[in-house]
N, C-alpha and C. Protein backbone atom coordinates (compact mmCIF):
# COMPACT_ATOMS: atom_id res chain seq x y z
N UNK A 1 -67.50 26.10 -204.45
CA UNK A 1 -66.79 25.94 -205.70
C UNK A 1 -65.28 25.88 -205.48
N UNK A 2 -64.76 26.69 -204.55
CA UNK A 2 -63.32 26.73 -204.34
C UNK A 2 -62.94 26.10 -203.01
N UNK A 3 -63.73 25.16 -202.53
CA UNK A 3 -63.43 24.49 -201.27
C UNK A 3 -62.07 23.79 -201.35
N UNK A 4 -61.29 23.89 -200.28
CA UNK A 4 -59.96 23.27 -200.20
C UNK A 4 -59.00 23.78 -201.26
N UNK A 5 -59.13 25.04 -201.63
CA UNK A 5 -58.19 25.63 -202.56
C UNK A 5 -57.69 26.94 -201.98
N UNK A 6 -56.44 27.25 -202.27
CA UNK A 6 -55.81 28.48 -201.84
C UNK A 6 -55.36 29.20 -203.10
N UNK A 7 -55.60 30.50 -203.18
CA UNK A 7 -55.16 31.26 -204.34
C UNK A 7 -54.06 32.22 -203.93
N UNK A 8 -52.97 32.23 -204.67
CA UNK A 8 -51.88 33.16 -204.43
C UNK A 8 -51.48 33.78 -205.76
N UNK A 9 -50.75 34.88 -205.68
CA UNK A 9 -50.22 35.48 -206.90
C UNK A 9 -48.80 35.02 -207.11
N UNK A 10 -48.45 34.64 -208.34
CA UNK A 10 -47.07 34.30 -208.62
C UNK A 10 -46.29 35.58 -208.91
N UNK A 11 -45.02 35.47 -209.27
CA UNK A 11 -44.17 36.65 -209.44
C UNK A 11 -44.58 37.52 -210.63
N UNK A 12 -45.49 37.02 -211.47
CA UNK A 12 -45.97 37.79 -212.61
C UNK A 12 -47.34 38.39 -212.37
N UNK A 13 -47.89 38.22 -211.15
CA UNK A 13 -49.19 38.77 -210.81
C UNK A 13 -50.36 37.89 -211.20
N UNK A 14 -50.08 36.68 -211.70
CA UNK A 14 -51.16 35.76 -212.07
C UNK A 14 -51.61 34.97 -210.85
N UNK A 15 -52.91 34.66 -210.81
CA UNK A 15 -53.42 33.83 -209.72
C UNK A 15 -53.09 32.37 -209.98
N UNK A 16 -52.64 31.69 -208.92
CA UNK A 16 -52.32 30.27 -208.99
C UNK A 16 -53.18 29.57 -207.94
N UNK A 17 -53.88 28.52 -208.32
CA UNK A 17 -54.71 27.78 -207.37
C UNK A 17 -53.94 26.57 -206.87
N UNK A 18 -54.03 26.31 -205.58
CA UNK A 18 -53.44 25.12 -204.99
C UNK A 18 -54.60 24.17 -204.70
N UNK A 19 -54.66 23.07 -205.41
CA UNK A 19 -55.75 22.12 -205.23
C UNK A 19 -55.41 21.15 -204.11
N UNK A 20 -56.43 20.70 -203.39
CA UNK A 20 -56.24 19.67 -202.37
C UNK A 20 -55.70 18.42 -203.04
N UNK A 21 -54.76 17.76 -202.38
CA UNK A 21 -54.08 16.62 -202.98
C UNK A 21 -53.91 15.54 -201.92
N UNK A 22 -54.58 14.39 -202.08
CA UNK A 22 -54.51 13.34 -201.07
C UNK A 22 -53.44 12.30 -201.36
N UNK A 23 -52.86 12.31 -202.53
CA UNK A 23 -51.87 11.29 -202.89
C UNK A 23 -50.44 11.79 -202.84
N UNK A 24 -50.21 13.07 -202.54
CA UNK A 24 -48.86 13.58 -202.47
C UNK A 24 -48.22 13.78 -203.82
N UNK A 25 -49.02 13.78 -204.89
CA UNK A 25 -48.48 13.96 -206.23
C UNK A 25 -49.05 15.24 -206.83
N UNK A 26 -48.28 15.88 -207.70
CA UNK A 26 -48.75 17.06 -208.40
C UNK A 26 -49.67 16.59 -209.53
N UNK A 27 -50.92 17.05 -209.50
CA UNK A 27 -51.90 16.60 -210.48
C UNK A 27 -52.17 17.73 -211.46
N UNK A 28 -51.72 17.58 -212.69
CA UNK A 28 -51.97 18.57 -213.73
C UNK A 28 -52.15 17.85 -215.06
N UNK A 29 -52.70 18.55 -216.02
CA UNK A 29 -52.78 18.00 -217.36
C UNK A 29 -51.63 18.59 -218.18
N UNK A 30 -51.47 18.11 -219.40
CA UNK A 30 -50.37 18.56 -220.25
C UNK A 30 -50.41 20.05 -220.52
N UNK A 31 -51.62 20.63 -220.57
CA UNK A 31 -51.73 22.05 -220.90
C UNK A 31 -51.93 22.94 -219.67
N UNK A 32 -52.01 22.35 -218.51
CA UNK A 32 -52.31 23.10 -217.30
C UNK A 32 -51.33 22.70 -216.20
N UNK A 33 -50.44 23.61 -215.82
CA UNK A 33 -49.47 23.25 -214.78
C UNK A 33 -49.40 24.35 -213.73
N UNK A 34 -48.89 23.98 -212.58
CA UNK A 34 -48.71 24.93 -211.49
C UNK A 34 -47.45 24.53 -210.73
N UNK A 35 -46.66 25.49 -210.24
CA UNK A 35 -45.46 25.14 -209.51
C UNK A 35 -45.71 24.83 -208.04
N UNK A 36 -46.98 24.86 -207.61
CA UNK A 36 -47.31 24.73 -206.20
C UNK A 36 -47.96 23.38 -205.92
N UNK A 37 -47.56 22.74 -204.81
CA UNK A 37 -48.18 21.50 -204.36
C UNK A 37 -48.90 21.79 -203.05
N UNK A 38 -50.09 21.21 -202.89
CA UNK A 38 -50.84 21.40 -201.65
C UNK A 38 -51.12 20.09 -200.95
N UNK A 39 -51.36 20.17 -199.64
CA UNK A 39 -51.73 18.97 -198.89
C UNK A 39 -53.24 18.76 -199.02
N UNK A 40 -53.82 17.71 -198.38
CA UNK A 40 -55.25 17.44 -198.55
C UNK A 40 -56.18 18.58 -198.14
N UNK A 41 -55.73 19.48 -197.29
CA UNK A 41 -56.59 20.60 -196.91
C UNK A 41 -56.40 21.81 -197.82
N UNK A 42 -55.51 21.72 -198.82
CA UNK A 42 -55.30 22.82 -199.74
C UNK A 42 -54.20 23.77 -199.30
N UNK A 43 -53.47 23.44 -198.26
CA UNK A 43 -52.39 24.30 -197.77
C UNK A 43 -51.17 24.16 -198.68
N UNK A 44 -50.60 25.28 -199.09
CA UNK A 44 -49.40 25.24 -199.92
C UNK A 44 -48.23 24.82 -199.04
N UNK A 45 -47.55 23.74 -199.40
CA UNK A 45 -46.48 23.23 -198.56
C UNK A 45 -45.15 23.11 -199.29
N UNK A 46 -45.15 23.19 -200.62
CA UNK A 46 -43.89 23.03 -201.36
C UNK A 46 -43.99 23.77 -202.68
N UNK A 47 -42.97 24.51 -203.00
CA UNK A 47 -42.92 25.23 -204.27
C UNK A 47 -41.86 24.57 -205.14
N UNK A 48 -42.25 24.17 -206.34
CA UNK A 48 -41.30 23.57 -207.26
C UNK A 48 -40.29 24.62 -207.71
N UNK A 49 -39.06 24.22 -208.10
CA UNK A 49 -38.07 25.19 -208.58
C UNK A 49 -38.64 26.05 -209.70
N UNK A 50 -38.34 27.33 -209.65
CA UNK A 50 -38.83 28.26 -210.67
C UNK A 50 -40.15 28.91 -210.29
N UNK A 51 -40.73 28.48 -209.17
CA UNK A 51 -42.01 29.05 -208.73
C UNK A 51 -41.81 30.44 -208.16
N UNK A 52 -42.91 31.11 -207.86
CA UNK A 52 -42.86 32.45 -207.30
C UNK A 52 -42.50 32.43 -205.82
N UNK A 53 -43.41 32.90 -204.97
CA UNK A 53 -43.16 32.97 -203.53
C UNK A 53 -42.84 31.60 -202.97
N UNK A 54 -42.03 31.55 -201.93
CA UNK A 54 -41.67 30.28 -201.32
C UNK A 54 -42.35 30.14 -199.97
N UNK A 55 -42.90 28.99 -199.73
CA UNK A 55 -43.50 28.70 -198.43
C UNK A 55 -42.55 27.73 -197.72
N UNK A 56 -42.96 26.51 -197.54
CA UNK A 56 -42.14 25.50 -196.90
C UNK A 56 -41.47 24.66 -197.98
N UNK A 57 -40.15 24.59 -197.99
CA UNK A 57 -39.45 23.86 -199.04
C UNK A 57 -39.13 22.43 -198.62
N UNK A 58 -39.71 21.93 -197.56
CA UNK A 58 -39.49 20.56 -197.12
C UNK A 58 -40.55 19.66 -197.73
N UNK A 59 -40.19 18.79 -198.70
CA UNK A 59 -41.20 17.96 -199.36
C UNK A 59 -41.79 16.89 -198.46
N UNK A 60 -41.25 16.68 -197.25
CA UNK A 60 -41.77 15.64 -196.37
C UNK A 60 -42.89 16.16 -195.48
N UNK A 61 -43.27 17.43 -195.61
CA UNK A 61 -44.29 18.00 -194.75
C UNK A 61 -45.72 17.69 -195.18
N UNK A 62 -45.90 16.95 -196.23
CA UNK A 62 -47.25 16.65 -196.68
C UNK A 62 -47.94 15.76 -195.66
N UNK A 63 -49.02 16.27 -195.11
CA UNK A 63 -49.77 15.48 -194.13
C UNK A 63 -50.40 14.28 -194.81
N UNK A 64 -50.73 13.29 -194.07
CA UNK A 64 -51.39 12.07 -194.55
C UNK A 64 -50.50 11.16 -195.38
N UNK A 65 -49.25 11.51 -195.60
CA UNK A 65 -48.36 10.58 -196.31
C UNK A 65 -47.16 10.20 -195.44
N UNK A 66 -47.29 10.41 -194.14
CA UNK A 66 -46.25 9.96 -193.23
C UNK A 66 -46.82 8.90 -192.30
N UNK A 67 -45.94 8.06 -191.79
CA UNK A 67 -46.33 7.04 -190.81
C UNK A 67 -45.24 6.96 -189.76
N UNK A 68 -45.63 6.77 -188.52
CA UNK A 68 -44.66 6.58 -187.45
C UNK A 68 -44.80 5.17 -186.91
N UNK A 69 -43.72 4.68 -186.33
CA UNK A 69 -43.73 3.33 -185.76
C UNK A 69 -42.82 3.30 -184.55
N UNK A 70 -43.17 2.46 -183.60
CA UNK A 70 -42.35 2.28 -182.40
C UNK A 70 -42.42 0.82 -181.97
N UNK A 71 -41.30 0.32 -181.49
CA UNK A 71 -41.24 -1.05 -181.02
C UNK A 71 -40.17 -1.14 -179.94
N UNK A 72 -40.33 -2.08 -179.03
CA UNK A 72 -39.33 -2.33 -177.99
C UNK A 72 -38.82 -3.75 -178.16
N UNK A 73 -37.50 -3.89 -178.23
CA UNK A 73 -36.87 -5.21 -178.36
C UNK A 73 -36.27 -5.62 -177.02
N UNK A 74 -36.54 -6.86 -176.59
CA UNK A 74 -35.98 -7.34 -175.33
C UNK A 74 -35.28 -8.68 -175.48
N UNK A 75 -35.36 -9.27 -176.67
CA UNK A 75 -34.69 -10.56 -176.90
C UNK A 75 -34.34 -10.68 -178.38
N UNK A 76 -33.90 -11.82 -178.80
CA UNK A 76 -33.46 -12.01 -180.17
C UNK A 76 -34.55 -12.41 -181.14
N UNK A 77 -35.76 -11.93 -180.93
CA UNK A 77 -36.87 -12.27 -181.82
C UNK A 77 -37.15 -11.12 -182.77
N UNK A 78 -37.18 -11.41 -184.07
CA UNK A 78 -37.52 -10.37 -185.05
C UNK A 78 -38.94 -9.88 -184.79
N UNK A 79 -39.10 -8.56 -184.74
CA UNK A 79 -40.36 -7.95 -184.35
C UNK A 79 -40.82 -6.96 -185.41
N UNK A 80 -42.10 -6.94 -185.72
CA UNK A 80 -42.65 -5.99 -186.69
C UNK A 80 -42.49 -4.57 -186.19
N UNK A 81 -41.90 -3.73 -187.02
CA UNK A 81 -41.78 -2.31 -186.72
C UNK A 81 -42.96 -1.54 -187.33
N UNK A 82 -43.27 -1.83 -188.59
CA UNK A 82 -44.40 -1.19 -189.28
C UNK A 82 -45.04 -2.20 -190.21
N UNK A 83 -46.34 -2.39 -190.05
CA UNK A 83 -47.08 -3.33 -190.88
C UNK A 83 -47.21 -2.85 -192.31
N UNK A 84 -47.79 -3.68 -193.15
CA UNK A 84 -47.86 -3.37 -194.58
C UNK A 84 -49.27 -2.98 -195.00
N UNK A 85 -49.33 -2.44 -196.22
CA UNK A 85 -50.60 -2.26 -196.91
C UNK A 85 -50.41 -2.76 -198.32
N UNK A 86 -51.48 -3.09 -198.99
CA UNK A 86 -51.36 -3.68 -200.32
C UNK A 86 -51.01 -2.67 -201.41
N UNK A 87 -51.11 -1.38 -201.11
CA UNK A 87 -50.88 -0.38 -202.16
C UNK A 87 -49.80 0.64 -201.80
N UNK A 88 -49.12 0.47 -200.66
CA UNK A 88 -48.21 1.51 -200.20
C UNK A 88 -46.85 0.94 -199.81
N UNK A 89 -45.80 1.61 -200.27
CA UNK A 89 -44.46 1.35 -199.75
C UNK A 89 -44.22 2.38 -198.65
N UNK A 90 -43.47 2.00 -197.62
CA UNK A 90 -43.11 2.92 -196.56
C UNK A 90 -41.61 3.12 -196.60
N UNK A 91 -41.16 4.29 -197.02
CA UNK A 91 -39.74 4.59 -197.14
C UNK A 91 -39.26 5.25 -195.86
N UNK A 92 -38.17 4.73 -195.30
CA UNK A 92 -37.66 5.19 -194.02
C UNK A 92 -36.99 6.55 -194.14
N UNK A 93 -37.40 7.48 -193.28
CA UNK A 93 -36.85 8.83 -193.28
C UNK A 93 -35.98 9.09 -192.04
N UNK A 94 -36.36 8.48 -190.91
CA UNK A 94 -35.69 8.79 -189.66
C UNK A 94 -35.87 7.61 -188.71
N UNK A 95 -34.80 7.23 -188.00
CA UNK A 95 -34.91 6.16 -187.01
C UNK A 95 -34.07 6.52 -185.79
N UNK A 96 -34.63 6.24 -184.61
CA UNK A 96 -33.93 6.45 -183.34
C UNK A 96 -33.98 5.16 -182.55
N UNK A 97 -32.84 4.76 -181.97
CA UNK A 97 -32.77 3.57 -181.13
C UNK A 97 -32.15 3.96 -179.80
N UNK A 98 -32.82 3.61 -178.70
CA UNK A 98 -32.35 3.93 -177.35
C UNK A 98 -32.05 2.64 -176.60
N UNK A 99 -30.91 2.60 -175.93
CA UNK A 99 -30.46 1.42 -175.20
C UNK A 99 -30.42 1.77 -173.72
N UNK A 100 -31.15 1.03 -172.90
CA UNK A 100 -31.18 1.32 -171.47
C UNK A 100 -30.29 0.39 -170.64
N UNK A 101 -29.43 -0.37 -171.30
CA UNK A 101 -28.63 -1.35 -170.57
C UNK A 101 -27.16 -0.94 -170.49
N UNK A 102 -26.38 -1.75 -169.81
CA UNK A 102 -24.94 -1.49 -169.66
C UNK A 102 -24.14 -2.20 -170.75
N UNK A 103 -24.82 -2.77 -171.73
CA UNK A 103 -24.17 -3.51 -172.81
C UNK A 103 -24.57 -2.90 -174.15
N UNK A 104 -23.60 -2.66 -175.02
CA UNK A 104 -23.90 -2.18 -176.37
C UNK A 104 -24.65 -3.26 -177.14
N UNK A 105 -25.44 -2.85 -178.12
CA UNK A 105 -26.21 -3.81 -178.91
C UNK A 105 -26.30 -3.36 -180.35
N UNK A 106 -26.32 -4.32 -181.25
CA UNK A 106 -26.54 -4.04 -182.67
C UNK A 106 -28.00 -4.35 -182.99
N UNK A 107 -28.67 -3.41 -183.67
CA UNK A 107 -30.06 -3.58 -184.06
C UNK A 107 -30.10 -3.67 -185.58
N UNK A 108 -30.74 -4.72 -186.08
CA UNK A 108 -30.88 -4.91 -187.52
C UNK A 108 -32.28 -4.52 -187.96
N UNK A 109 -32.35 -3.77 -189.05
CA UNK A 109 -33.64 -3.42 -189.65
C UNK A 109 -33.75 -4.11 -191.00
N UNK A 110 -34.92 -4.61 -191.28
CA UNK A 110 -35.21 -5.25 -192.57
C UNK A 110 -36.41 -4.55 -193.18
N UNK A 111 -36.39 -4.38 -194.51
CA UNK A 111 -37.54 -3.74 -195.16
C UNK A 111 -38.65 -4.75 -195.40
N UNK A 112 -38.42 -6.02 -195.08
CA UNK A 112 -39.45 -7.04 -195.09
C UNK A 112 -39.04 -8.16 -194.14
N UNK A 113 -39.96 -8.61 -193.33
CA UNK A 113 -39.69 -9.65 -192.35
C UNK A 113 -39.03 -10.86 -193.01
N UNK A 114 -37.93 -11.30 -192.42
CA UNK A 114 -37.23 -12.48 -192.92
C UNK A 114 -36.26 -12.22 -194.05
N UNK A 115 -36.27 -11.04 -194.63
CA UNK A 115 -35.35 -10.71 -195.71
C UNK A 115 -33.97 -10.33 -195.16
N UNK A 116 -33.08 -9.97 -196.03
CA UNK A 116 -31.74 -9.55 -195.64
C UNK A 116 -31.79 -8.26 -194.84
N UNK A 117 -30.81 -8.10 -193.97
CA UNK A 117 -30.67 -6.88 -193.18
C UNK A 117 -30.32 -5.74 -194.12
N UNK A 118 -31.03 -4.61 -194.01
CA UNK A 118 -30.73 -3.45 -194.85
C UNK A 118 -30.00 -2.35 -194.08
N UNK A 119 -30.20 -2.31 -192.76
CA UNK A 119 -29.56 -1.29 -191.92
C UNK A 119 -29.21 -1.93 -190.59
N UNK A 120 -27.99 -1.68 -190.11
CA UNK A 120 -27.61 -2.10 -188.77
C UNK A 120 -27.24 -0.87 -187.97
N UNK A 121 -27.87 -0.72 -186.82
CA UNK A 121 -27.59 0.40 -185.92
C UNK A 121 -26.78 -0.13 -184.74
N UNK A 122 -25.60 0.42 -184.51
CA UNK A 122 -24.81 0.07 -183.34
C UNK A 122 -25.20 1.04 -182.23
N UNK A 123 -25.86 0.52 -181.18
CA UNK A 123 -26.37 1.36 -180.12
C UNK A 123 -25.52 1.16 -178.86
N UNK A 124 -24.73 2.17 -178.47
CA UNK A 124 -23.88 2.04 -177.28
C UNK A 124 -24.72 1.85 -176.01
N UNK A 125 -24.08 1.32 -174.97
CA UNK A 125 -24.74 1.13 -173.68
C UNK A 125 -25.23 2.48 -173.14
N UNK A 126 -26.43 2.48 -172.56
CA UNK A 126 -27.03 3.68 -171.96
C UNK A 126 -26.94 4.90 -172.88
N UNK A 127 -27.28 4.72 -174.13
CA UNK A 127 -27.16 5.80 -175.10
C UNK A 127 -28.26 5.70 -176.14
N UNK A 128 -28.31 6.70 -177.02
CA UNK A 128 -29.30 6.77 -178.09
C UNK A 128 -28.58 7.07 -179.40
N UNK A 129 -29.04 6.42 -180.46
CA UNK A 129 -28.53 6.67 -181.81
C UNK A 129 -29.69 7.17 -182.66
N UNK A 130 -29.48 8.26 -183.39
CA UNK A 130 -30.49 8.81 -184.29
C UNK A 130 -29.90 8.91 -185.68
N UNK A 131 -30.64 8.40 -186.66
CA UNK A 131 -30.18 8.45 -188.05
C UNK A 131 -31.27 9.08 -188.91
N UNK A 132 -31.04 10.32 -189.38
CA UNK A 132 -31.98 10.92 -190.34
C UNK A 132 -31.51 10.60 -191.76
N UNK A 133 -32.41 10.20 -192.61
CA UNK A 133 -32.07 9.94 -194.01
C UNK A 133 -32.55 11.12 -194.83
N UNK A 134 -31.64 11.86 -195.40
CA UNK A 134 -32.01 13.03 -196.21
C UNK A 134 -32.68 12.59 -197.51
N UNK A 135 -32.31 11.42 -197.97
CA UNK A 135 -33.00 10.76 -199.07
C UNK A 135 -33.63 9.52 -198.45
N UNK A 136 -34.94 9.39 -198.47
CA UNK A 136 -35.58 8.26 -197.80
C UNK A 136 -35.02 6.91 -198.24
N UNK A 137 -34.85 6.01 -197.27
CA UNK A 137 -34.39 4.65 -197.57
C UNK A 137 -35.59 3.86 -198.09
N UNK A 138 -35.54 3.38 -199.34
CA UNK A 138 -36.74 2.80 -199.95
C UNK A 138 -37.09 1.41 -199.43
N UNK A 139 -38.37 1.17 -199.29
CA UNK A 139 -38.85 -0.17 -198.99
C UNK A 139 -38.93 -0.93 -200.31
N UNK A 140 -38.56 -2.18 -200.28
CA UNK A 140 -38.45 -2.98 -201.50
C UNK A 140 -39.75 -3.09 -202.29
N UNK A 141 -40.84 -3.40 -201.61
CA UNK A 141 -42.09 -3.63 -202.34
C UNK A 141 -43.30 -3.31 -201.47
N UNK A 142 -44.44 -3.11 -202.12
CA UNK A 142 -45.69 -2.98 -201.40
C UNK A 142 -45.95 -4.31 -200.70
N UNK A 143 -46.73 -4.28 -199.66
CA UNK A 143 -47.07 -5.46 -198.86
C UNK A 143 -45.90 -5.97 -198.01
N UNK A 144 -44.75 -5.28 -198.02
CA UNK A 144 -43.63 -5.67 -197.17
C UNK A 144 -43.83 -5.10 -195.76
N UNK A 145 -43.22 -5.73 -194.79
CA UNK A 145 -43.35 -5.37 -193.38
C UNK A 145 -41.97 -5.01 -192.83
N UNK A 146 -41.78 -3.75 -192.39
CA UNK A 146 -40.52 -3.36 -191.76
C UNK A 146 -40.39 -4.10 -190.43
N UNK A 147 -39.20 -4.63 -190.14
CA UNK A 147 -39.00 -5.33 -188.88
C UNK A 147 -37.65 -4.95 -188.28
N UNK A 148 -37.53 -5.24 -186.97
CA UNK A 148 -36.30 -4.95 -186.23
C UNK A 148 -35.93 -6.18 -185.41
N UNK A 149 -34.64 -6.34 -185.18
CA UNK A 149 -34.15 -7.50 -184.44
C UNK A 149 -32.83 -7.13 -183.78
N UNK A 150 -32.51 -7.82 -182.72
CA UNK A 150 -31.21 -7.68 -182.07
C UNK A 150 -30.83 -9.05 -181.52
N UNK A 151 -29.59 -9.19 -181.09
CA UNK A 151 -29.16 -10.44 -180.47
C UNK A 151 -29.90 -10.67 -179.17
N UNK A 152 -29.91 -11.90 -178.71
CA UNK A 152 -30.56 -12.24 -177.45
C UNK A 152 -29.60 -11.89 -176.31
N UNK A 153 -29.69 -10.64 -175.83
CA UNK A 153 -28.79 -10.12 -174.80
C UNK A 153 -29.58 -9.96 -173.51
N UNK A 154 -29.15 -10.64 -172.47
CA UNK A 154 -29.85 -10.61 -171.19
C UNK A 154 -29.92 -9.19 -170.62
N UNK A 155 -31.08 -8.83 -170.09
CA UNK A 155 -31.32 -7.55 -169.42
C UNK A 155 -31.06 -6.33 -170.31
N UNK A 156 -31.35 -6.48 -171.59
CA UNK A 156 -31.17 -5.36 -172.52
C UNK A 156 -32.49 -5.04 -173.19
N UNK A 157 -32.84 -3.77 -173.18
CA UNK A 157 -34.06 -3.30 -173.85
C UNK A 157 -33.67 -2.18 -174.80
N UNK A 158 -34.06 -2.33 -176.05
CA UNK A 158 -33.82 -1.31 -177.07
C UNK A 158 -35.18 -0.79 -177.53
N UNK A 159 -35.38 0.53 -177.44
CA UNK A 159 -36.61 1.16 -177.93
C UNK A 159 -36.32 1.82 -179.27
N UNK A 160 -37.15 1.53 -180.26
CA UNK A 160 -36.95 2.06 -181.61
C UNK A 160 -38.16 2.90 -182.00
N UNK A 161 -37.89 4.08 -182.55
CA UNK A 161 -38.93 4.95 -183.11
C UNK A 161 -38.52 5.28 -184.53
N UNK A 162 -39.48 5.27 -185.45
CA UNK A 162 -39.14 5.52 -186.85
C UNK A 162 -40.23 6.37 -187.51
N UNK A 163 -39.81 7.09 -188.54
CA UNK A 163 -40.71 7.92 -189.35
C UNK A 163 -40.56 7.46 -190.80
N UNK A 164 -41.70 7.28 -191.46
CA UNK A 164 -41.73 6.79 -192.83
C UNK A 164 -42.53 7.74 -193.72
N UNK A 165 -42.20 7.76 -195.00
CA UNK A 165 -42.97 8.46 -196.02
C UNK A 165 -43.69 7.40 -196.84
N UNK A 166 -45.00 7.56 -197.01
CA UNK A 166 -45.78 6.61 -197.78
C UNK A 166 -45.64 6.91 -199.27
N UNK A 167 -45.43 5.86 -200.04
CA UNK A 167 -45.33 5.98 -201.49
C UNK A 167 -46.33 5.03 -202.13
N UNK A 168 -47.23 5.57 -202.94
CA UNK A 168 -48.24 4.72 -203.56
C UNK A 168 -47.88 4.46 -205.00
């Protein structure tokens, strides 16, 4: 009956149930609310403001709603960083670009292949650039494909790793 649910007491001594949630959204009716959000296994991962005890206050910790991507660029060809789905936007949270050459390179990211550049990372020679987005950088639309590109620079390899939050 209570599978995938966790019960805790709020600051008034009332029991609060954390229901398993696969979509990353707080599911309540107009007359029934709770300040607690749980991941698909029922683990309490985020307490809304005004809630009782605090667990993890990082809203990006919800399992099953993150995606990672990695790609290596070696020439001036636009390359898919993260493929699309018909029902999900992938909002960029974190990107790292590593340059193993003696020449600096600019890396362009697009939230959809062939569209305008949304982010340019200047990656120094033999160095790494990391950009965390405290507010996720939104993908324009569902079915879009994140891509990366750089100039056609001889003997240059750029490795890119990225973390995304899925939005349905």
